[in-house]
Amino acid sequence: MHFNIWKSTDDQFYFELKGNNGETVAVSELYTRKQSAKDTIEAIKKGAASAGVSDLTGGSQYDRDLP
């Protein structure tokens, strides 16, 4: 896996996390500073190994529409 940092058309920064197969796994919010995007990437890299998982698939409330 690896991160790509991009600059948006309105001169903000965002990153995407790409899987080993080249597919996009996640896309970040927009940041006004490139360093903020880099700092978030570092925080993810440090915290991901110990991150918990909450399985909410048994619930009936959805917070977004899925394709």
Protein backbone atom coordinates (compact mmCIF):
# COMPACT_ATOMS: atom_id res chain seq x y z
CA MET A 1 0.00 0.00 0.00
CA HIS A 2 1.08 3.57 -0.52
CA PHE A 3 -0.15 7.14 -0.28
CA ASN A 4 -0.32 9.69 -3.11
CA ILE A 5 -0.61 13.40 -2.37
CA TRP A 6 -2.46 15.50 -4.93
CA LYS A 7 -3.22 19.18 -5.42
CA SER A 8 -6.84 20.01 -6.21
CA THR A 9 -8.03 22.50 -8.81
CA ASP A 10 -8.62 25.05 -6.04
CA ASP A 11 -5.02 24.71 -4.75
CA GLN A 12 -5.81 22.54 -1.75
CA PHE A 13 -4.17 19.21 -0.97
CA TYR A 14 -5.54 15.73 -0.45
CA PHE A 15 -4.20 12.20 -0.39
CA GLU A 16 -5.36 8.82 -1.50
CA LEU A 17 -4.38 5.45 -0.15
CA LYS A 18 -3.73 2.93 -2.90
CA GLY A 19 -3.76 -0.82 -2.40
CA ASN A 20 -1.07 -3.11 -3.76
CA ASN A 21 -3.40 -3.86 -6.68
CA GLY A 22 -3.50 -0.16 -7.63
CA GLU A 23 -7.07 0.33 -6.48
CA THR A 24 -7.98 3.37 -4.38
CA VAL A 25 -8.75 2.33 -0.82
CA ALA A 26 -9.44 5.77 0.69
CA VAL A 27 -9.41 9.46 -0.18
CA SER A 28 -8.85 12.19 2.41
CA GLU A 29 -10.58 15.45 3.02
CA LEU A 30 -9.07 18.63 1.54
CA TYR A 31 -6.29 20.44 3.38
CA THR A 32 -5.18 24.03 2.86
CA ARG A 33 -1.58 23.10 3.68
CA LYS A 34 0.38 20.20 2.20
CA GLN A 35 2.02 19.64 5.58
CA SER A 36 -1.40 18.94 7.11
CA ALA A 37 -1.95 16.16 4.58
CA LYS A 38 1.51 14.76 5.36
CA ASP A 39 0.85 14.95 9.12
CA THR A 40 -2.41 13.03 8.71
CA ILE A 41 -0.68 10.35 6.65
CA GLU A 42 1.91 9.92 9.40
CA ALA A 43 -0.82 9.70 12.05
CA ILE A 44 -2.59 6.99 10.03
CA LYS A 45 0.63 5.04 9.55
CA LYS A 46 1.38 5.15 13.27
CA GLY A 47 -2.12 4.31 14.46
CA ALA A 48 -3.39 1.84 11.87
CA ALA A 49 -1.77 -1.25 13.36
CA SER A 50 -3.57 -0.80 16.67
CA ALA A 51 -6.87 0.55 15.27
CA GLY A 52 -10.00 -1.27 16.32
CA VAL A 53 -12.86 -2.30 14.05
CA SER A 54 -16.53 -1.72 14.84
CA ASP A 55 -18.91 -3.96 12.90
CA LEU A 56 -22.10 -1.93 12.47
CA THR A 57 -23.59 -4.05 9.69
CA GLY A 58 -26.34 -5.38 11.95
CA GLY A 59 -27.83 -1.93 12.47
CA SER A 60 -30.69 -0.36 10.62
CA GLN A 61 -29.40 3.22 10.38
CA TYR A 62 -27.32 4.30 7.41
CA ASP A 63 -25.38 7.54 7.40
CA ARG A 64 -24.79 7.71 3.65
CA ASP A 65 -26.07 6.43 0.36
CA LEU A 66 -24.00 3.71 -1.22
CA PRO A 67 -23.71 3.06 -4.95
